[in-house]
Full PDB file with SEQRES, HELIX, SHEET, SSBOND, CRYST1, ORIGX, SCALE, CONECT and MASTER records, all heavy atoms in Angstrom:
SEQRES   1 A   37  SER MET ARG ALA LEU GLY HIS GLY THR VAL VAL ASN VAL          
SEQRES   2 A   37  GLY GLY THR CYS ASP SER ASP SER GLY GLY VAL SER VAL          
SEQRES   3 A   37  GLN SER VAL ALA VAL ASP GLU ASP SER VAL VAL                  
HELIX    1 AA1 MET A    2  LEU A    5  1                                   4    
SHEET    1 AA1 3 GLY A   8  VAL A  13  0                                        
SHEET    2 AA1 3 VAL A  24  VAL A  29  1                                        
SHEET    3 AA1 3 SER A  19  SER A  21 -1                                        
CRYST1    1.000    1.000    1.000  90.00  90.00  90.00 P 1           1          
ORIGX1      1.000000  0.000000  0.000000        0.00000                         
ORIGX2      0.000000  1.000000  0.000000        0.00000                         
ORIGX3      0.000000  0.000000  1.000000        0.00000                         
SCALE1      1.000000  0.000000  0.000000        0.00000                         
SCALE2      0.000000  1.000000  0.000000        0.00000                         
SCALE3      0.000000  0.000000  1.000000        0.00000                         
ATOM      1  N   SER A   1     -35.343  67.046  54.407  1.00  0.00           N  
ATOM      2  CA  SER A   1     -35.035  68.328  53.780  1.00  0.00           C  
ATOM      3  C   SER A   1     -33.813  68.223  52.881  1.00  0.00           C  
ATOM      4  O   SER A   1     -33.808  68.742  51.758  1.00  0.00           O  
ATOM      5  CB  SER A   1     -34.818  69.388  54.861  1.00  0.00           C  
ATOM      6  OG  SER A   1     -34.362  70.578  54.303  1.00  0.00           O  
ATOM      7  N   MET A   2     -32.768  67.572  53.372  1.00  0.00           N  
ATOM      8  CA  MET A   2     -31.532  67.423  52.599  1.00  0.00           C  
ATOM      9  C   MET A   2     -31.794  66.648  51.299  1.00  0.00           C  
ATOM     10  O   MET A   2     -31.286  67.023  50.245  1.00  0.00           O  
ATOM     11  CB  MET A   2     -30.458  66.715  53.412  1.00  0.00           C  
ATOM     12  CG  MET A   2     -29.830  67.578  54.480  1.00  0.00           C  
ATOM     13  SD  MET A   2     -28.615  66.606  55.427  1.00  0.00           S  
ATOM     14  CE  MET A   2     -27.864  67.889  56.413  1.00  0.00           C  
ATOM     15  N   ARG A   3     -32.575  65.589  51.394  1.00  0.00           N  
ATOM     16  CA  ARG A   3     -32.864  64.788  50.192  1.00  0.00           C  
ATOM     17  C   ARG A   3     -33.664  65.602  49.189  1.00  0.00           C  
ATOM     18  O   ARG A   3     -33.454  65.492  47.988  1.00  0.00           O  
ATOM     19  CB  ARG A   3     -33.577  63.505  50.580  1.00  0.00           C  
ATOM     20  CG  ARG A   3     -32.615  62.529  51.248  1.00  0.00           C  
ATOM     21  CD  ARG A   3     -33.236  61.166  51.484  1.00  0.00           C  
ATOM     22  NE  ARG A   3     -32.223  60.267  52.007  1.00  0.00           N  
ATOM     23  CZ  ARG A   3     -32.337  59.624  53.164  1.00  0.00           C  
ATOM     24  NH1 ARG A   3     -33.444  59.733  53.902  1.00  0.00           N  
ATOM     25  NH2 ARG A   3     -31.366  58.831  53.589  1.00  0.00           N  
ATOM     26  N   ALA A   4     -34.582  66.451  49.680  1.00  0.00           N  
ATOM     27  CA  ALA A   4     -35.360  67.301  48.777  1.00  0.00           C  
ATOM     28  C   ALA A   4     -34.446  68.315  48.074  1.00  0.00           C  
ATOM     29  O   ALA A   4     -34.667  68.635  46.901  1.00  0.00           O  
ATOM     30  CB  ALA A   4     -36.456  68.021  49.558  1.00  0.00           C  
ATOM     31  N   LEU A   5     -33.423  68.795  48.782  1.00  0.00           N  
ATOM     32  CA  LEU A   5     -32.474  69.746  48.203  1.00  0.00           C  
ATOM     33  C   LEU A   5     -31.389  69.055  47.386  1.00  0.00           C  
ATOM     34  O   LEU A   5     -30.686  69.704  46.601  1.00  0.00           O  
ATOM     35  CB  LEU A   5     -31.827  70.578  49.312  1.00  0.00           C  
ATOM     36  CG  LEU A   5     -32.786  71.508  50.071  1.00  0.00           C  
ATOM     37  CD1 LEU A   5     -32.093  72.099  51.282  1.00  0.00           C  
ATOM     38  CD2 LEU A   5     -33.305  72.612  49.149  1.00  0.00           C  
ATOM     39  N   GLY A   6     -31.194  67.748  47.605  1.00  0.00           N  
ATOM     40  CA  GLY A   6     -30.205  66.978  46.842  1.00  0.00           C  
ATOM     41  C   GLY A   6     -28.784  67.060  47.352  1.00  0.00           C  
ATOM     42  O   GLY A   6     -27.860  66.697  46.638  1.00  0.00           O  
ATOM     43  N   HIS A   7     -28.602  67.498  48.595  1.00  0.00           N  
ATOM     44  CA  HIS A   7     -27.245  67.538  49.152  1.00  0.00           C  
ATOM     45  C   HIS A   7     -27.306  67.617  50.667  1.00  0.00           C  
ATOM     46  O   HIS A   7     -28.311  68.026  51.262  1.00  0.00           O  
ATOM     47  CB  HIS A   7     -26.448  68.728  48.606  1.00  0.00           C  
ATOM     48  CG  HIS A   7     -26.999  70.054  49.049  1.00  0.00           C  
ATOM     49  ND1 HIS A   7     -26.648  70.625  50.258  1.00  0.00           N  
ATOM     50  CD2 HIS A   7     -27.888  70.900  48.494  1.00  0.00           C  
ATOM     51  CE1 HIS A   7     -27.292  71.782  50.407  1.00  0.00           C  
ATOM     52  NE2 HIS A   7     -28.055  71.964  49.327  1.00  0.00           N  
ATOM     53  N   GLY A   8     -26.200  67.227  51.307  1.00  0.00           N  
ATOM     54  CA  GLY A   8     -26.069  67.349  52.735  1.00  0.00           C  
ATOM     55  C   GLY A   8     -25.222  66.246  53.321  1.00  0.00           C  
ATOM     56  O   GLY A   8     -24.933  65.240  52.663  1.00  0.00           O  
ATOM     57  N   THR A   9     -24.820  66.448  54.555  1.00  0.00           N  
ATOM     58  CA  THR A   9     -24.029  65.452  55.279  1.00  0.00           C  
ATOM     59  C   THR A   9     -24.595  65.311  56.681  1.00  0.00           C  
ATOM     60  O   THR A   9     -24.844  66.309  57.356  1.00  0.00           O  
ATOM     61  CB  THR A   9     -22.554  65.884  55.388  1.00  0.00           C  
ATOM     62  OG1 THR A   9     -22.008  66.034  54.082  1.00  0.00           O  
ATOM     63  CG2 THR A   9     -21.726  64.871  56.173  1.00  0.00           C  
ATOM     64  N   VAL A  10     -24.783  64.062  57.091  1.00  0.00           N  
ATOM     65  CA  VAL A  10     -25.227  63.746  58.452  1.00  0.00           C  
ATOM     66  C   VAL A  10     -24.146  62.898  59.096  1.00  0.00           C  
ATOM     67  O   VAL A  10     -23.694  61.917  58.498  1.00  0.00           O  
ATOM     68  CB  VAL A  10     -26.568  62.981  58.444  1.00  0.00           C  
ATOM     69  CG1 VAL A  10     -26.942  62.558  59.855  1.00  0.00           C  
ATOM     70  CG2 VAL A  10     -27.675  63.822  57.824  1.00  0.00           C  
ATOM     71  N   VAL A  11     -23.721  63.277  60.297  1.00  0.00           N  
ATOM     72  CA  VAL A  11     -22.786  62.479  61.060  1.00  0.00           C  
ATOM     73  C   VAL A  11     -23.482  62.073  62.349  1.00  0.00           C  
ATOM     74  O   VAL A  11     -23.871  62.936  63.142  1.00  0.00           O  
ATOM     75  CB  VAL A  11     -21.476  63.242  61.373  1.00  0.00           C  
ATOM     76  CG1 VAL A  11     -20.542  62.371  62.217  1.00  0.00           C  
ATOM     77  CG2 VAL A  11     -20.786  63.695  60.094  1.00  0.00           C  
ATOM     78  N   ASN A  12     -23.657  60.769  62.538  1.00  0.00           N  
ATOM     79  CA  ASN A  12     -24.309  60.219  63.719  1.00  0.00           C  
ATOM     80  C   ASN A  12     -23.248  59.714  64.690  1.00  0.00           C  
ATOM     81  O   ASN A  12     -22.513  58.771  64.363  1.00  0.00           O  
ATOM     82  CB  ASN A  12     -25.238  59.066  63.355  1.00  0.00           C  
ATOM     83  CG  ASN A  12     -26.475  59.534  62.656  1.00  0.00           C  
ATOM     84  OD1 ASN A  12     -27.135  60.449  63.101  1.00  0.00           O  
ATOM     85  ND2 ASN A  12     -26.796  58.921  61.523  1.00  0.00           N  
ATOM     86  N   VAL A  13     -23.130  60.340  65.840  1.00  0.00           N  
ATOM     87  CA  VAL A  13     -22.213  59.878  66.880  1.00  0.00           C  
ATOM     88  C   VAL A  13     -22.873  58.693  67.556  1.00  0.00           C  
ATOM     89  O   VAL A  13     -24.004  58.771  68.043  1.00  0.00           O  
ATOM     90  CB  VAL A  13     -21.908  60.990  67.895  1.00  0.00           C  
ATOM     91  CG1 VAL A  13     -21.037  60.457  69.021  1.00  0.00           C  
ATOM     92  CG2 VAL A  13     -21.230  62.172  67.195  1.00  0.00           C  
ATOM     93  N   GLY A  14     -22.182  57.562  67.534  1.00  0.00           N  
ATOM     94  CA  GLY A  14     -22.728  56.342  68.112  1.00  0.00           C  
ATOM     95  C   GLY A  14     -23.501  55.527  67.100  1.00  0.00           C  
ATOM     96  O   GLY A  14     -24.041  54.476  67.437  1.00  0.00           O  
ATOM     97  N   GLY A  15     -23.568  55.992  65.869  1.00  0.00           N  
ATOM     98  CA  GLY A  15     -24.246  55.238  64.820  1.00  0.00           C  
ATOM     99  C   GLY A  15     -23.380  54.103  64.323  1.00  0.00           C  
ATOM    100  O   GLY A  15     -22.195  54.005  64.643  1.00  0.00           O  
ATOM    101  N   THR A  16     -23.974  53.259  63.514  1.00  0.00           N  
ATOM    102  CA  THR A  16     -23.233  52.090  63.029  1.00  0.00           C  
ATOM    103  C   THR A  16     -23.282  51.914  61.530  1.00  0.00           C  
ATOM    104  O   THR A  16     -22.739  50.959  61.013  1.00  0.00           O  
ATOM    105  CB  THR A  16     -23.806  50.805  63.676  1.00  0.00           C  
ATOM    106  OG1 THR A  16     -25.198  50.709  63.342  1.00  0.00           O  
ATOM    107  CG2 THR A  16     -23.620  50.820  65.176  1.00  0.00           C  
ATOM    108  N   CYS A  17     -23.932  52.820  60.819  1.00  0.00           N  
ATOM    109  CA  CYS A  17     -24.152  52.605  59.407  1.00  0.00           C  
ATOM    110  C   CYS A  17     -23.810  53.861  58.602  1.00  0.00           C  
ATOM    111  O   CYS A  17     -24.197  54.956  58.975  1.00  0.00           O  
ATOM    112  CB  CYS A  17     -25.628  52.224  59.179  1.00  0.00           C  
ATOM    113  SG  CYS A  17     -26.062  51.962  57.474  1.00  0.00           S  
ATOM    114  N   ASP A  18     -23.075  53.690  57.510  1.00  0.00           N  
ATOM    115  CA  ASP A  18     -22.784  54.779  56.589  1.00  0.00           C  
ATOM    116  C   ASP A  18     -23.531  54.512  55.292  1.00  0.00           C  
ATOM    117  O   ASP A  18     -23.688  53.363  54.879  1.00  0.00           O  
ATOM    118  CB  ASP A  18     -21.280  54.847  56.273  1.00  0.00           C  
ATOM    119  CG  ASP A  18     -20.441  55.290  57.462  1.00  0.00           C  
ATOM    120  OD1 ASP A  18     -21.010  55.577  58.523  1.00  0.00           O  
ATOM    121  OD2 ASP A  18     -19.217  55.310  57.320  1.00  0.00           O  
ATOM    122  N   SER A  19     -24.001  55.581  54.638  1.00  0.00           N  
ATOM    123  CA  SER A  19     -24.693  55.394  53.365  1.00  0.00           C  
ATOM    124  C   SER A  19     -24.652  56.713  52.603  1.00  0.00           C  
ATOM    125  O   SER A  19     -24.397  57.778  53.143  1.00  0.00           O  
ATOM    126  CB  SER A  19     -26.148  54.961  53.588  1.00  0.00           C  
ATOM    127  OG  SER A  19     -26.897  56.007  54.192  1.00  0.00           O  
ATOM    128  N   ASP A  20     -24.926  56.607  51.307  1.00  0.00           N  
ATOM    129  CA  ASP A  20     -25.080  57.761  50.434  1.00  0.00           C  
ATOM    130  C   ASP A  20     -26.350  57.549  49.643  1.00  0.00           C  
ATOM    131  O   ASP A  20     -26.535  56.494  49.031  1.00  0.00           O  
ATOM    132  CB  ASP A  20     -23.889  57.906  49.477  1.00  0.00           C  
ATOM    133  CG  ASP A  20     -22.615  58.298  50.194  1.00  0.00           C  
ATOM    134  OD1 ASP A  20     -22.677  59.236  50.994  1.00  0.00           O  
ATOM    135  OD2 ASP A  20     -21.571  57.691  49.932  1.00  0.00           O  
ATOM    136  N   SER A  21     -27.230  58.548  49.666  1.00  0.00           N  
ATOM    137  CA  SER A  21     -28.510  58.415  48.976  1.00  0.00           C  
ATOM    138  C   SER A  21     -29.037  59.778  48.598  1.00  0.00           C  
ATOM    139  O   SER A  21     -29.120  60.670  49.450  1.00  0.00           O  
ATOM    140  CB  SER A  21     -29.510  57.682  49.886  1.00  0.00           C  
ATOM    141  OG  SER A  21     -30.806  57.775  49.364  1.00  0.00           O  
ATOM    142  N   GLY A  22     -29.374  59.962  47.349  1.00  0.00           N  
ATOM    143  CA  GLY A  22     -29.966  61.205  46.909  1.00  0.00           C  
ATOM    144  C   GLY A  22     -29.112  62.424  47.146  1.00  0.00           C  
ATOM    145  O   GLY A  22     -29.631  63.493  47.435  1.00  0.00           O  
ATOM    146  N   GLY A  23     -27.783  62.278  47.060  1.00  0.00           N  
ATOM    147  CA  GLY A  23     -26.877  63.389  47.290  1.00  0.00           C  
ATOM    148  C   GLY A  23     -26.568  63.653  48.746  1.00  0.00           C  
ATOM    149  O   GLY A  23     -25.867  64.599  49.065  1.00  0.00           O  
ATOM    150  N   VAL A  24     -27.112  62.824  49.648  1.00  0.00           N  
ATOM    151  CA  VAL A  24     -26.894  63.008  51.085  1.00  0.00           C  
ATOM    152  C   VAL A  24     -25.991  61.891  51.600  1.00  0.00           C  
ATOM    153  O   VAL A  24     -26.237  60.717  51.367  1.00  0.00           O  
ATOM    154  CB  VAL A  24     -28.231  62.988  51.865  1.00  0.00           C  
ATOM    155  CG1 VAL A  24     -27.978  63.144  53.350  1.00  0.00           C  
ATOM    156  CG2 VAL A  24     -29.151  64.095  51.366  1.00  0.00           C  
ATOM    157  N   SER A  25     -24.954  62.287  52.285  1.00  0.00           N  
ATOM    158  CA  SER A  25     -24.012  61.349  52.893  1.00  0.00           C  
ATOM    159  C   SER A  25     -24.349  61.182  54.376  1.00  0.00           C  
ATOM    160  O   SER A  25     -24.422  62.177  55.087  1.00  0.00           O  
ATOM    161  CB  SER A  25     -22.584  61.880  52.737  1.00  0.00           C  
ATOM    162  OG  SER A  25     -21.672  61.086  53.476  1.00  0.00           O  
ATOM    163  N   VAL A  26     -24.566  59.935  54.805  1.00  0.00           N  
ATOM    164  CA  VAL A  26     -24.814  59.648  56.215  1.00  0.00           C  
ATOM    165  C   VAL A  26     -23.621  58.848  56.706  1.00  0.00           C  
ATOM    166  O   VAL A  26     -23.300  57.792  56.177  1.00  0.00           O  
ATOM    167  CB  VAL A  26     -26.125  58.853  56.415  1.00  0.00           C  
ATOM    168  CG1 VAL A  26     -26.327  58.544  57.894  1.00  0.00           C  
ATOM    169  CG2 VAL A  26     -27.309  59.636  55.859  1.00  0.00           C  
ATOM    170  N   GLN A  27     -22.956  59.388  57.725  1.00  0.00           N  
ATOM    171  CA  GLN A  27     -21.751  58.771  58.262  1.00  0.00           C  
ATOM    172  C   GLN A  27     -21.897  58.551  59.745  1.00  0.00           C  
ATOM    173  O   GLN A  27     -22.680  59.239  60.410  1.00  0.00           O  
ATOM    174  CB  GLN A  27     -20.546  59.680  57.982  1.00  0.00           C  
ATOM    175  CG  GLN A  27     -20.379  60.007  56.522  1.00  0.00           C  
ATOM    176  CD  GLN A  27     -19.277  60.999  56.260  1.00  0.00           C  
ATOM    177  OE1 GLN A  27     -18.353  61.150  57.049  1.00  0.00           O  
ATOM    178  NE2 GLN A  27     -19.369  61.694  55.148  1.00  0.00           N  
ATOM    179  N   SER A  28     -21.124  57.615  60.267  1.00  0.00           N  
ATOM    180  CA  SER A  28     -21.168  57.311  61.699  1.00  0.00           C  
ATOM    181  C   SER A  28     -19.797  57.451  62.309  1.00  0.00           C  
ATOM    182  O   SER A  28     -18.782  57.233  61.646  1.00  0.00           O  
ATOM    183  CB  SER A  28     -21.662  55.868  61.908  1.00  0.00           C  
ATOM    184  OG  SER A  28     -22.974  55.741  61.410  1.00  0.00           O  
ATOM    185  N   VAL A  29     -19.784  57.815  63.578  1.00  0.00           N  
ATOM    186  CA  VAL A  29     -18.555  57.895  64.352  1.00  0.00           C  
ATOM    187  C   VAL A  29     -18.799  57.144  65.647  1.00  0.00           C  
ATOM    188  O   VAL A  29     -19.798  57.372  66.330  1.00  0.00           O  
ATOM    189  CB  VAL A  29     -18.184  59.367  64.663  1.00  0.00           C  
ATOM    190  CG1 VAL A  29     -17.000  59.449  65.610  1.00  0.00           C  
ATOM    191  CG2 VAL A  29     -17.886  60.121  63.374  1.00  0.00           C  
ATOM    192  N   ALA A  30     -17.913  56.220  65.964  1.00  0.00           N  
ATOM    193  CA  ALA A  30     -18.065  55.422  67.183  1.00  0.00           C  
ATOM    194  C   ALA A  30     -17.907  56.276  68.429  1.00  0.00           C  
ATOM    195  O   ALA A  30     -17.168  57.257  68.437  1.00  0.00           O  
ATOM    196  CB  ALA A  30     -17.031  54.284  67.203  1.00  0.00           C  
ATOM    197  N   VAL A  31     -18.604  55.898  69.481  1.00  0.00           N  
ATOM    198  CA  VAL A  31     -18.514  56.602  70.757  1.00  0.00           C  
ATOM    199  C   VAL A  31     -17.170  56.283  71.393  1.00  0.00           C  
ATOM    200  O   VAL A  31     -16.715  55.152  71.416  1.00  0.00           O  
ATOM    201  CB  VAL A  31     -19.671  56.193  71.687  1.00  0.00           C  
ATOM    202  CG1 VAL A  31     -19.532  56.838  73.042  1.00  0.00           C  
ATOM    203  CG2 VAL A  31     -21.000  56.563  71.054  1.00  0.00           C  
ATOM    204  N   ASP A  32     -16.534  57.320  71.915  1.00  0.00           N  
ATOM    205  CA  ASP A  32     -15.223  57.216  72.545  1.00  0.00           C  
ATOM    206  C   ASP A  32     -15.120  58.399  73.502  1.00  0.00           C  
ATOM    207  O   ASP A  32     -16.106  59.050  73.793  1.00  0.00           O  
ATOM    208  CB  ASP A  32     -14.126  57.274  71.451  1.00  0.00           C  
ATOM    209  CG  ASP A  32     -12.810  56.668  71.870  1.00  0.00           C  
ATOM    210  OD1 ASP A  32     -12.512  56.670  73.076  1.00  0.00           O  
ATOM    211  OD2 ASP A  32     -12.063  56.217  70.996  1.00  0.00           O  
ATOM    212  N   GLU A  33     -13.921  58.723  73.931  1.00  0.00           N  
ATOM    213  CA  GLU A  33     -13.682  59.920  74.728  1.00  0.00           C  
ATOM    214  C   GLU A  33     -14.089  61.145  73.918  1.00  0.00           C  
ATOM    215  O   GLU A  33     -13.870  61.206  72.710  1.00  0.00           O  
ATOM    216  CB  GLU A  33     -12.199  59.986  75.092  1.00  0.00           C  
ATOM    217  CG  GLU A  33     -11.813  61.159  75.941  1.00  0.00           C  
ATOM    218  CD  GLU A  33     -10.319  61.177  76.231  1.00  0.00           C  
ATOM    219  OE1 GLU A  33      -9.695  60.118  76.279  1.00  0.00           O  
ATOM    220  OE2 GLU A  33      -9.820  62.307  76.392  1.00  0.00           O  
ATOM    221  N   ASP A  34     -14.711  62.154  74.554  1.00  0.00           N  
ATOM    222  CA  ASP A  34     -15.262  63.304  73.849  1.00  0.00           C  
ATOM    223  C   ASP A  34     -14.290  63.937  72.862  1.00  0.00           C  
ATOM    224  O   ASP A  34     -14.651  64.221  71.733  1.00  0.00           O  
ATOM    225  CB  ASP A  34     -15.741  64.373  74.841  1.00  0.00           C  
ATOM    226  CG  ASP A  34     -17.073  64.043  75.453  1.00  0.00           C  
ATOM    227  OD1 ASP A  34     -17.656  62.995  75.117  1.00  0.00           O  
ATOM    228  OD2 ASP A  34     -17.549  64.842  76.280  1.00  0.00           O  
ATOM    229  N   SER A  35     -13.050  64.186  73.268  1.00  0.00           N  
ATOM    230  CA  SER A  35     -12.119  64.862  72.366  1.00  0.00           C  
ATOM    231  C   SER A  35     -11.770  63.976  71.177  1.00  0.00           C  
ATOM    232  O   SER A  35     -11.579  64.479  70.058  1.00  0.00           O  
ATOM    233  CB  SER A  35     -10.845  65.286  73.109  1.00  0.00           C  
ATOM    234  OG  SER A  35     -10.176  64.158  73.618  1.00  0.00           O  
ATOM    235  N   VAL A  36     -11.744  62.680  71.365  1.00  0.00           N  
ATOM    236  CA  VAL A  36     -11.477  61.740  70.264  1.00  0.00           C  
ATOM    237  C   VAL A  36     -12.638  61.743  69.284  1.00  0.00           C  
ATOM    238  O   VAL A  36     -12.457  61.796  68.065  1.00  0.00           O  
ATOM    239  CB  VAL A  36     -11.214  60.307  70.809  1.00  0.00           C  
ATOM    240  CG1 VAL A  36     -11.115  59.307  69.674  1.00  0.00           C  
ATOM    241  CG2 VAL A  36      -9.962  60.271  71.659  1.00  0.00           C  
ATOM    242  N   VAL A  37     -13.852  61.732  69.815  1.00  0.00           N  
ATOM    243  CA  VAL A  37     -15.041  61.760  68.957  1.00  0.00           C  
ATOM    244  C   VAL A  37     -15.087  63.070  68.184  1.00  0.00           C  
ATOM    245  O   VAL A  37     -15.354  63.082  66.969  1.00  0.00           O  
ATOM    246  CB  VAL A  37     -16.329  61.567  69.786  1.00  0.00           C  
ATOM    247  CG1 VAL A  37     -17.561  61.788  68.921  1.00  0.00           C  
ATOM    248  CG2 VAL A  37     -16.370  60.182  70.400  1.00  0.00           C  
TER     249      VAL A  37                                                      
MASTER        0    0    0    1    3    0    0    6  248    1    0    3          
END                                                                             
């Protein structure tokens, strides 16, 4: 949906890869203590 609209941000907790494609930013945050994450 975001790619069809041409914008958006995805943050994956526990993910390992960041990318930007079609106006959509995909970011990752490492798993840690809940408040730190």
